N, C-alpha and C. Protein backbone atom coordinates (compact mmCIF):
# COMPACT_ATOMS: atom_id res chain seq x y z
N MET A 1 -102.73 53.36 45.71
CA MET A 1 -101.66 54.61 47.11
C MET A 1 -101.66 53.33 48.09
N GLU A 2 -99.93 53.56 48.62
CA GLU A 2 -99.59 52.60 49.62
C GLU A 2 -100.32 52.95 50.79
N SER A 3 -100.35 51.78 51.61
CA SER A 3 -100.92 51.23 52.86
C SER A 3 -99.94 51.87 53.79
N LEU A 4 -101.00 52.62 54.83
CA LEU A 4 -100.42 53.42 56.04
C LEU A 4 -99.22 52.56 56.95
N SER A 5 -99.57 51.23 56.57
CA SER A 5 -98.05 50.35 57.32
C SER A 5 -97.12 50.58 56.27
N ASP A 6 -97.05 50.89 55.10
CA ASP A 6 -95.85 50.66 54.23
C ASP A 6 -95.39 52.36 54.98
N GLN A 7 -96.14 53.16 54.84
CA GLN A 7 -95.63 54.40 55.09
C GLN A 7 -94.76 54.41 56.40
N PHE A 8 -95.32 53.78 57.08
CA PHE A 8 -94.93 53.68 58.52
C PHE A 8 -93.46 52.90 58.99
N ASN A 9 -93.32 52.08 57.81
CA ASN A 9 -92.37 50.99 57.41
C ASN A 9 -91.17 52.07 57.03
N GLU A 10 -91.38 52.71 55.85
CA GLU A 10 -90.61 53.51 55.01
C GLU A 10 -90.01 54.45 56.17
N ASP A 11 -90.97 55.13 56.85
CA ASP A 11 -90.33 56.13 58.33
C ASP A 11 -89.39 56.05 59.03
N GLN A 12 -89.57 54.69 59.24
CA GLN A 12 -88.81 54.10 60.39
C GLN A 12 -87.61 53.54 59.59
N LEU A 13 -87.59 53.16 58.00
CA LEU A 13 -86.64 52.85 57.49
C LEU A 13 -85.68 54.28 57.06
N SER A 14 -86.11 55.16 56.96
CA SER A 14 -85.47 56.54 57.01
C SER A 14 -84.94 56.62 57.98
N LYS A 15 -85.59 56.71 58.82
CA LYS A 15 -84.96 56.91 60.78
C LYS A 15 -83.39 56.11 60.91
N ASP A 16 -83.51 54.91 60.63
CA ASP A 16 -82.94 54.05 60.94
C ASP A 16 -81.68 54.00 59.72
N PHE A 17 -81.80 54.16 58.67
CA PHE A 17 -81.07 54.75 57.45
C PHE A 17 -79.77 56.19 58.27
N LYS A 18 -80.79 56.98 58.48
CA LYS A 18 -80.27 58.28 59.20
C LYS A 18 -79.14 58.32 60.29
N ALA A 19 -79.87 57.41 61.03
CA ALA A 19 -78.69 56.68 62.17
C ALA A 19 -78.16 55.92 61.55
N VAL A 20 -77.38 55.02 60.87
CA VAL A 20 -76.71 54.52 60.28
C VAL A 20 -75.27 55.38 59.65
N VAL A 21 -76.25 56.41 58.68
CA VAL A 21 -75.27 57.47 58.19
C VAL A 21 -74.61 58.69 59.53
N ALA A 22 -75.11 58.58 60.38
CA ALA A 22 -74.72 59.69 61.32
C ALA A 22 -73.52 58.69 62.09
N ASP A 23 -73.85 57.61 62.54
CA ASP A 23 -72.91 56.42 63.07
C ASP A 23 -71.21 56.54 61.87
N VAL A 24 -71.55 55.95 60.62
CA VAL A 24 -70.97 56.11 59.68
C VAL A 24 -69.66 57.25 59.77
N GLU A 25 -70.40 58.46 59.81
CA GLU A 25 -69.51 59.98 59.79
C GLU A 25 -68.89 59.72 60.99
N ALA A 26 -69.49 59.42 62.04
CA ALA A 26 -68.74 59.51 63.69
C ALA A 26 -66.90 58.65 63.30
N LEU A 27 -67.72 57.49 62.56
CA LEU A 27 -66.55 56.46 62.27
C LEU A 27 -65.85 57.10 61.58
N LEU A 28 -65.56 57.87 60.94
CA LEU A 28 -64.73 58.34 60.14
C LEU A 28 -64.03 59.42 60.55
N LYS A 29 -64.63 60.18 61.29
CA LYS A 29 -64.15 61.23 62.48
C LYS A 29 -63.31 60.68 63.46
N VAL A 30 -63.80 59.65 64.00
CA VAL A 30 -62.68 59.13 64.86
C VAL A 30 -61.27 58.45 64.16
N THR A 31 -61.84 57.68 62.97
CA THR A 31 -60.30 57.43 62.32
C THR A 31 -59.94 58.31 61.14
N ALA A 32 -60.00 59.46 61.47
CA ALA A 32 -59.45 60.56 60.49
C ALA A 32 -57.78 60.47 60.74
N ASN A 33 -57.22 60.52 62.44
CA ASN A 33 -56.10 60.61 62.48
C ASN A 33 -55.34 59.32 62.72
N THR A 34 -55.75 58.22 62.29
CA THR A 34 -55.21 56.55 62.26
C THR A 34 -54.75 56.58 60.84
N GLY A 35 -53.44 56.38 60.82
CA GLY A 35 -52.68 56.07 59.89
C GLY A 35 -52.69 54.67 59.25
N GLY A 36 -51.81 54.27 58.06
CA GLY A 36 -52.31 53.47 57.25
C GLY A 36 -52.54 53.33 55.80
N GLU A 37 -52.17 53.47 54.78
CA GLU A 37 -52.69 52.99 53.32
C GLU A 37 -53.85 52.47 53.50
N LYS A 38 -54.05 51.42 53.63
CA LYS A 38 -55.42 50.15 53.67
C LYS A 38 -56.65 51.61 54.09
N LEU A 39 -56.21 51.77 55.41
CA LEU A 39 -57.69 52.35 55.76
C LEU A 39 -57.61 53.72 55.65
N ALA A 40 -56.41 54.48 55.06
CA ALA A 40 -57.02 55.63 54.16
C ALA A 40 -58.05 55.39 52.78
N ALA A 41 -57.54 54.07 52.13
CA ALA A 41 -58.26 53.76 50.67
C ALA A 41 -59.67 53.70 51.73
N VAL A 42 -59.93 52.83 52.28
CA VAL A 42 -61.38 52.31 53.08
C VAL A 42 -62.08 53.48 53.24
N ARG A 43 -61.53 54.29 54.34
CA ARG A 43 -62.23 55.96 54.46
C ARG A 43 -62.99 56.48 53.24
N ALA A 44 -61.53 56.41 52.51
CA ALA A 44 -62.13 57.26 50.76
C ALA A 44 -63.19 56.79 50.08
N ARG A 45 -63.19 55.00 50.25
CA ARG A 45 -64.47 54.80 49.49
C ARG A 45 -65.58 54.97 50.45
N ALA A 46 -65.36 55.06 51.73
CA ALA A 46 -66.56 55.55 52.74
C ALA A 46 -67.05 56.42 52.89
N GLU A 47 -66.07 57.39 52.44
CA GLU A 47 -66.69 58.90 52.32
C GLU A 47 -67.40 59.38 51.07
N ALA A 48 -67.01 58.51 50.22
CA ALA A 48 -68.02 58.74 48.64
C ALA A 48 -68.77 58.24 48.66
N SER A 49 -69.16 56.93 49.02
CA SER A 49 -70.50 56.01 49.08
C SER A 49 -71.48 57.12 50.33
N LEU A 50 -70.81 57.58 51.58
CA LEU A 50 -71.80 58.37 52.25
C LEU A 50 -72.49 59.53 51.39
N GLY A 51 -71.34 59.99 51.06
CA GLY A 51 -71.70 61.26 49.90
C GLY A 51 -72.98 60.92 48.76
N ALA A 52 -72.74 59.89 48.46
CA ALA A 52 -74.02 59.64 46.91
C ALA A 52 -74.80 59.19 48.25
N VAL A 53 -74.70 58.08 49.12
CA VAL A 53 -76.30 58.33 49.83
C VAL A 53 -76.91 59.29 50.48
N LYS A 54 -76.15 60.70 51.04
CA LYS A 54 -76.92 61.38 51.14
C LYS A 54 -77.55 62.01 50.23
N ALA A 55 -76.81 62.57 49.15
CA ALA A 55 -77.85 62.99 47.98
C ALA A 55 -79.12 61.77 47.35
N THR A 56 -78.35 61.16 47.24
CA THR A 56 -79.93 59.81 47.04
C THR A 56 -80.86 60.33 48.04
N MET A 57 -80.65 60.22 49.23
CA MET A 57 -81.55 60.53 50.48
C MET A 57 -82.84 61.83 50.29
N THR A 58 -81.51 62.73 49.59
CA THR A 58 -82.13 64.46 49.72
C THR A 58 -83.02 64.41 48.70
N ASP A 59 -82.68 63.87 47.24
CA ASP A 59 -83.30 63.44 46.20
C ASP A 59 -84.54 62.86 46.64
N THR A 60 -84.83 61.86 47.32
CA THR A 60 -85.92 60.85 47.45
C THR A 60 -86.79 62.04 48.57
N GLN A 61 -86.36 62.80 49.57
CA GLN A 61 -87.08 63.57 50.48
C GLN A 61 -87.86 64.44 49.32
N GLU A 62 -87.37 64.84 48.39
CA GLU A 62 -87.94 65.94 48.03
C GLU A 62 -88.84 65.42 46.77
N THR A 63 -88.61 64.20 46.39
CA THR A 63 -89.47 63.79 45.35
C THR A 63 -90.66 63.20 46.58
N VAL A 64 -90.68 63.01 47.51
CA VAL A 64 -91.98 62.55 48.86
C VAL A 64 -92.40 63.80 48.66
N LEU A 65 -91.57 64.92 49.06
CA LEU A 65 -92.43 65.96 49.87
C LEU A 65 -93.48 66.53 48.49
N ALA A 66 -92.84 66.48 47.32
CA ALA A 66 -93.85 67.21 46.31
C ALA A 66 -94.80 65.92 46.09
N LYS A 67 -94.35 65.01 46.07
CA LYS A 67 -95.72 63.54 46.09
C LYS A 67 -96.58 63.92 47.23
N THR A 68 -96.51 64.13 48.12
CA THR A 68 -97.36 64.35 49.29
C THR A 68 -98.30 66.06 49.30
N LYS A 69 -97.31 66.81 48.89
CA LYS A 69 -98.07 68.27 48.41
C LYS A 69 -99.24 67.97 47.08
N GLU A 70 -98.62 66.98 46.53
CA GLU A 70 -99.94 67.13 44.91
C GLU A 70 -100.88 66.24 45.56
N ALA A 71 -100.73 65.40 45.93
CA ALA A 71 -102.19 64.47 46.87
C ALA A 71 -102.99 65.28 47.97
N ALA A 72 -102.17 66.00 48.47
CA ALA A 72 -103.00 66.86 49.30
C ALA A 72 -103.86 68.10 48.36
N LYS A 73 -103.22 68.64 47.10
CA LYS A 73 -103.65 69.48 46.09
C LYS A 73 -105.18 68.80 45.93
N VAL A 74 -104.81 67.14 45.83
CA VAL A 74 -105.75 66.59 44.92
C VAL A 74 -107.04 66.30 45.93
N ALA A 75 -106.40 65.86 46.93
CA ALA A 75 -107.58 66.03 48.13
C ALA A 75 -108.68 66.80 48.52
N ASP A 76 -107.78 68.22 48.25
CA ASP A 76 -108.55 69.56 48.85
C ASP A 76 -109.30 69.71 47.83
N ASP A 77 -109.02 69.36 46.33
CA ASP A 77 -109.82 69.85 45.26
C ASP A 77 -111.18 69.28 45.30
N TYR A 78 -110.95 67.47 45.74
CA TYR A 78 -112.23 67.03 45.58
C TYR A 78 -112.96 67.39 46.80
N VAL A 79 -112.45 67.95 47.95
CA VAL A 79 -113.35 68.27 49.08
C VAL A 79 -113.87 69.60 48.32
N GLN A 80 -113.60 70.31 47.90
CA GLN A 80 -113.97 71.54 47.43
C GLN A 80 -114.78 71.45 46.00
N GLU A 81 -114.65 70.69 45.42
CA GLU A 81 -115.97 69.72 44.21
C GLU A 81 -116.96 69.24 44.63
N ASN A 82 -116.73 68.26 45.92
CA ASN A 82 -117.66 67.43 46.48
C ASN A 82 -117.95 67.62 48.24
N PRO A 83 -118.69 68.75 48.77
CA PRO A 83 -118.54 68.76 50.29
C PRO A 83 -119.28 67.88 50.79
N TRP A 84 -120.53 67.68 50.00
CA TRP A 84 -121.72 66.56 50.66
C TRP A 84 -121.01 65.43 50.59
N ARG A 85 -120.49 65.10 49.81
CA ARG A 85 -119.97 63.41 49.80
C ARG A 85 -118.87 63.44 50.47
N SER A 86 -117.85 64.40 51.05
CA SER A 86 -116.60 64.04 51.79
C SER A 86 -116.99 64.49 53.21
N ILE A 87 -118.48 65.27 53.18
CA ILE A 87 -118.88 65.01 55.07
C ILE A 87 -118.93 63.75 55.13
N GLY A 88 -120.19 62.95 54.25
CA GLY A 88 -120.41 61.94 54.34
C GLY A 88 -119.69 60.86 54.22
N LEU A 89 -118.27 60.76 53.60
CA LEU A 89 -117.46 60.25 53.74
C LEU A 89 -116.88 59.94 55.11
N ALA A 90 -116.53 61.20 55.53
CA ALA A 90 -115.94 61.29 56.95
C ALA A 90 -116.88 61.14 58.10
N ALA A 91 -118.01 61.19 57.86
CA ALA A 91 -119.09 60.65 58.87
C ALA A 91 -118.92 58.97 59.04
N GLY A 92 -119.08 58.52 57.95
CA GLY A 92 -118.98 56.81 58.18
C GLY A 92 -117.57 56.35 58.20
N VAL A 93 -116.73 57.27 58.06
CA VAL A 93 -115.00 56.62 58.62
C VAL A 93 -115.34 56.85 60.11
N GLY A 94 -116.13 57.98 60.55
CA GLY A 94 -115.94 58.15 61.83
C GLY A 94 -116.88 57.07 62.93
N ILE A 95 -117.79 56.78 62.06
CA ILE A 95 -118.74 55.44 62.76
C ILE A 95 -118.52 54.48 62.91
N VAL A 96 -117.56 53.91 61.91
CA VAL A 96 -116.90 52.84 61.56
C VAL A 96 -115.88 52.82 62.93
N ILE A 97 -114.84 53.83 63.26
CA ILE A 97 -113.81 54.13 64.04
C ILE A 97 -114.74 53.80 65.69
N GLY A 98 -115.63 54.25 65.62
CA GLY A 98 -116.25 54.52 67.36
C GLY A 98 -116.88 53.01 67.21
N LEU A 99 -117.23 52.49 66.13
CA LEU A 99 -118.02 50.71 66.17
C LEU A 99 -116.47 49.95 66.76
N LEU A 100 -115.74 50.48 65.86
CA LEU A 100 -114.42 49.69 66.15
C LEU A 100 -114.00 49.80 68.08
N ILE A 101 -113.89 51.28 68.05
CA ILE A 101 -113.42 51.62 69.56
C ILE A 101 -114.38 51.17 70.68
N GLY A 102 -115.53 50.75 70.21
CA GLY A 102 -116.39 50.66 71.23
C GLY A 102 -116.75 48.82 71.71
N ARG A 103 -116.23 48.38 70.61
CA ARG A 103 -116.15 46.73 70.51
C ARG A 103 -115.14 46.58 71.62
N ARG A 104 -113.78 47.40 72.10
CA ARG A 104 -113.11 46.93 72.84
C ARG A 104 -113.45 46.82 74.35
């Protein structure tokens, strides 16, 4: 399982990537009326790349959502099958967090 810091890095990466996509879309809109054969070719390649990236991001997002739902289901099943062990684990984590906060 991924660490929490890796997950936050991926979330930040996803946000940054979406910002880049939005900037490229804005650039394409601004240059839409600009003439020139080379610019038109670059714009066409950029639009094609942007479409591919959007499709990849959508697929990745769907995969992550499905895995998250699956992990939640597994966790729920575990808690249903082992309620006392889950309570003990939660209490232990709470104590550790309380001790760490108390040391500051």
